[in-house]
């Protein structure tokens, strides 16, 4: 599902110039159909203005590479932006399993381990088969990890409901790659479409204001 493009070429000097993003990228340079697409009305979601939803997958190296520049940009407090990171769920058990990890961490207030999950799959190349194995790996990454709470949340009804929503949005938004950003429930863009990180974040800010 992940596009085979030279993503890393866009990451060079990832955090450089984020504070000056408006000075470097004029809104007039963004064109619908080139830098972003507008979803048809039947595919849109009703969300608050300024909502930015990033769809990711813990098995995607491009998503891991996006973490640092994304959060560096968010640290500049872009006006009116509310970010929601959503694990994409497509027609594969692996996508749902990794989404379940994210929501179990979120519901137990342990999202500090978000980047550690990327490490487990991408750096350590681990392939846990169930929540107990996942919990053991997370515990090895963080001695303060609440394993019992995580395991209890993993198969909870609330977790399943979150995954169902993530799967619904992944299909509704017509996603075909990660990481992908959906702004205000109707505009879709990603790094290759925007052309650079600086342009991506400027574009997101512009679309969030619509």
Protein backbone atom coordinates (compact mmCIF):
# COMPACT_ATOMS: atom_id res chain seq x y z
CA UNK A 1 0.00 0.00 0.00
CA UNK A 2 2.96 2.33 0.50
CA UNK A 3 4.13 4.24 -2.55
CA UNK A 4 7.59 3.24 -3.75
CA UNK A 5 9.01 6.72 -4.10
CA UNK A 6 12.28 8.20 -2.95
CA UNK A 7 10.78 9.50 0.27
CA UNK A 8 14.11 10.04 2.01
CA UNK A 9 15.12 12.66 -0.53
CA UNK A 10 12.39 14.87 0.93
CA UNK A 11 13.66 14.40 4.48
CA UNK A 12 17.03 16.12 3.96
CA UNK A 13 17.15 19.09 6.33
CA UNK A 14 13.74 18.01 7.56
CA UNK A 15 13.32 20.55 10.29
CA UNK A 16 15.09 23.44 8.58
CA UNK A 17 12.88 26.40 7.82
CA UNK A 18 9.74 25.17 9.53
CA UNK A 19 9.40 28.34 11.56
CA UNK A 20 9.61 30.40 8.36
CA UNK A 21 7.18 28.20 6.48
CA UNK A 22 4.89 31.05 5.45
CA UNK A 23 7.75 33.11 4.06
CA UNK A 24 8.97 30.25 1.89
CA UNK A 25 5.75 28.98 0.41
CA UNK A 26 3.03 31.23 -0.98
CA UNK A 27 -0.55 29.91 -0.99
CA UNK A 28 -0.77 30.76 -4.69
CA UNK A 29 1.69 27.99 -5.54
CA UNK A 30 -0.71 25.21 -4.48
CA UNK A 31 -3.09 23.80 -7.07
CA UNK A 32 -5.93 21.36 -6.64
CA UNK A 33 -5.22 18.17 -8.54
CA UNK A 34 -1.48 18.68 -8.29
CA UNK A 35 -0.56 19.46 -4.69
CA UNK A 36 -3.74 18.11 -3.13
CA UNK A 37 -7.05 16.58 -4.07
CA UNK A 38 -10.52 17.51 -2.88
CA UNK A 39 -12.68 14.56 -1.97
CA UNK A 40 -16.16 14.23 -3.47
CA UNK A 41 -18.93 15.16 -1.06
CA UNK A 42 -19.83 11.50 -0.48
CA UNK A 43 -16.29 10.75 0.74
CA UNK A 44 -15.93 13.66 3.16
CA UNK A 45 -16.19 13.52 6.94
CA UNK A 46 -17.73 16.13 9.20
CA UNK A 47 -14.92 17.34 11.44
CA UNK A 48 -14.04 20.60 13.15
CA UNK A 49 -12.27 23.24 11.09
CA UNK A 50 -8.51 22.91 11.47
CA UNK A 51 -8.59 19.15 11.96
CA UNK A 52 -5.59 17.44 10.38
CA UNK A 53 -5.67 13.64 10.31
CA UNK A 54 -2.41 11.85 9.57
CA UNK A 55 -2.83 8.24 8.48
CA UNK A 56 0.17 6.04 9.21
CA UNK A 57 1.27 2.43 9.59
CA UNK A 58 3.83 1.15 12.11
CA UNK A 59 5.35 -1.06 9.42
CA UNK A 60 6.02 1.91 7.12
CA UNK A 61 9.52 3.46 7.19
CA UNK A 62 8.20 6.60 5.49
CA UNK A 63 5.78 7.10 8.38
CA UNK A 64 8.62 6.74 10.87
CA UNK A 65 10.66 9.30 8.92
CA UNK A 66 7.73 11.74 9.07
CA UNK A 67 7.58 11.74 12.87
CA UNK A 68 10.42 14.15 13.59
CA UNK A 69 9.57 16.87 11.05
CA UNK A 70 5.85 16.59 11.80
CA UNK A 71 6.31 17.18 15.51
CA UNK A 72 8.92 19.88 14.93
CA UNK A 73 6.32 21.70 12.85
CA UNK A 74 3.60 21.16 15.46
CA UNK A 75 5.96 22.63 18.08
CA UNK A 76 5.75 25.93 16.22
CA UNK A 77 2.05 26.02 17.19
CA UNK A 78 0.56 26.41 13.71
CA UNK A 79 -2.55 28.52 14.02
CA UNK A 80 -5.82 26.64 14.50
CA UNK A 81 -4.35 23.18 13.81
CA UNK A 82 -5.59 20.10 15.67
CA UNK A 83 -3.69 16.94 14.76
CA UNK A 84 -5.08 13.41 15.02
CA UNK A 85 -2.80 10.51 14.15
CA UNK A 86 -4.83 7.58 12.87
CA UNK A 87 -3.46 4.14 12.01
CA UNK A 88 -4.58 3.28 8.49
CA UNK A 89 -6.52 0.02 8.27
CA UNK A 90 -6.78 -1.73 4.93
CA UNK A 91 -7.81 -5.26 3.99
CA UNK A 92 -5.09 -7.09 5.91
CA UNK A 93 -4.98 -8.47 9.47
CA UNK A 94 -1.53 -6.89 9.92
CA UNK A 95 -2.92 -3.37 9.50
CA UNK A 96 -5.65 -4.01 12.07
CA UNK A 97 -3.20 -5.59 14.52
CA UNK A 98 -0.83 -2.64 14.43
CA UNK A 99 -3.76 -0.24 14.71
CA UNK A 100 -4.84 -2.11 17.82
CA UNK A 101 -1.42 -1.45 19.37
CA UNK A 102 -1.79 2.28 18.79
CA UNK A 103 -5.24 2.52 20.34
CA UNK A 104 -4.28 0.36 23.31
CA UNK A 105 -1.39 2.73 24.02
CA UNK A 106 -3.62 5.77 23.52
CA UNK A 107 -6.39 4.56 25.83
CA UNK A 108 -3.86 3.76 28.58
CA UNK A 109 -2.07 7.12 28.26
CA UNK A 110 1.14 5.52 27.02
CA UNK A 111 1.56 7.13 23.61
CA UNK A 112 5.04 8.16 24.69
CA UNK A 113 5.92 4.73 23.26
CA UNK A 114 4.58 5.62 19.80
CA UNK A 115 8.05 5.86 18.25
CA UNK A 116 9.18 2.73 20.08
CA UNK A 117 6.55 0.75 18.20
CA UNK A 118 8.10 1.89 14.91
CA UNK A 119 11.45 0.69 16.26
CA UNK A 120 10.06 -2.73 17.15
CA UNK A 121 8.89 -3.39 13.60
CA UNK A 122 11.37 -1.40 11.51
CA UNK A 123 14.63 -1.43 13.47
CA UNK A 124 14.42 -4.59 15.55
CA UNK A 125 12.51 -6.42 12.79
CA UNK A 126 10.40 -8.14 15.46
CA UNK A 127 7.23 -9.92 14.42
CA UNK A 128 5.08 -10.37 17.55
CA UNK A 129 2.14 -12.75 17.13
CA UNK A 130 -0.17 -11.53 19.90
CA UNK A 131 -0.69 -8.86 22.54
CA UNK A 132 1.43 -10.68 25.13
CA UNK A 133 4.46 -10.72 22.82
CA UNK A 134 3.86 -7.08 21.90
CA UNK A 135 3.59 -6.16 25.58
CA UNK A 136 6.85 -7.96 26.38
CA UNK A 137 8.65 -6.04 23.63
CA UNK A 138 7.25 -2.71 24.83
CA UNK A 139 8.20 -3.51 28.42
CA UNK A 140 11.76 -4.08 27.26
CA UNK A 141 11.72 -0.60 25.70
CA UNK A 142 10.30 1.18 28.77
CA UNK A 143 10.49 -0.05 32.34
CA UNK A 144 7.51 2.15 33.27
CA UNK A 145 5.29 0.52 30.66
CA UNK A 146 1.98 -0.67 32.17
CA UNK A 147 1.76 -4.09 30.61
CA UNK A 148 -1.41 -5.18 32.41
CA UNK A 149 -3.36 -2.08 31.34
CA UNK A 150 -2.16 -2.45 27.76
CA UNK A 151 -3.22 -6.10 27.51
CA UNK A 152 -6.63 -5.31 29.01
CA UNK A 153 -7.17 -2.46 26.53
CA UNK A 154 -5.89 -4.39 23.52
CA UNK A 155 -9.05 -6.42 22.86
CA UNK A 156 -11.51 -4.07 24.53
CA UNK A 157 -14.76 -2.98 22.90
CA UNK A 158 -13.51 0.60 22.85
CA UNK A 159 -10.38 -0.46 21.00
CA UNK A 160 -12.39 -2.40 18.46
CA UNK A 161 -14.65 0.63 17.94
CA UNK A 162 -11.60 2.82 17.28
CA UNK A 163 -10.26 0.33 14.74
CA UNK A 164 -13.64 0.15 13.03
CA UNK A 165 -13.63 3.95 12.70
CA UNK A 166 -10.06 3.94 11.38
CA UNK A 167 -10.95 1.31 8.79
CA UNK A 168 -14.07 3.23 7.77
CA UNK A 169 -12.15 6.48 7.32
CA UNK A 170 -9.31 4.75 5.44
CA UNK A 171 -11.85 3.56 2.89
CA UNK A 172 -14.05 6.64 2.90
CA UNK A 173 -11.10 8.95 2.23
CA UNK A 174 -9.99 6.69 -0.65
CA UNK A 175 -6.50 6.29 0.79
CA UNK A 176 -3.97 4.33 -1.23
CA UNK A 177 -0.73 5.15 0.60
CA UNK A 178 0.77 6.23 3.90
CA UNK A 179 1.66 8.65 5.34
CA UNK A 180 -1.28 10.68 4.06
CA UNK A 181 -2.83 13.82 5.51
CA UNK A 182 -6.55 14.62 5.37
CA UNK A 183 -7.44 18.20 6.24
CA UNK A 184 -10.90 19.31 7.39
CA UNK A 185 -12.24 15.94 6.34
CA UNK A 186 -12.14 16.87 2.65
CA UNK A 187 -8.64 17.70 1.39
CA UNK A 188 -6.01 14.99 0.89
CA UNK A 189 -2.28 15.47 0.40
CA UNK A 190 1.07 13.86 1.08
CA UNK A 191 4.76 14.67 0.82
CA UNK A 192 5.28 13.66 -2.84
CA UNK A 193 2.27 15.73 -3.91
CA UNK A 194 3.37 18.80 -1.95
CA UNK A 195 6.98 18.55 -3.15
CA UNK A 196 8.85 19.26 0.08
CA UNK A 197 8.30 19.24 3.82
CA UNK A 198 8.17 23.02 4.00
CA UNK A 199 5.53 23.13 1.26
CA UNK A 200 3.62 20.23 2.82
CA UNK A 201 3.18 21.99 6.14
CA UNK A 202 2.40 25.33 4.50
CA UNK A 203 -0.21 23.59 2.36
CA UNK A 204 -1.75 21.90 5.39
CA UNK A 205 -2.01 25.23 7.18
CA UNK A 206 -3.62 26.84 4.15
CA UNK A 207 -6.16 24.05 3.69
CA UNK A 208 -6.93 23.96 7.41
CA UNK A 209 -8.02 27.58 7.20
CA UNK A 210 -10.58 26.93 4.45
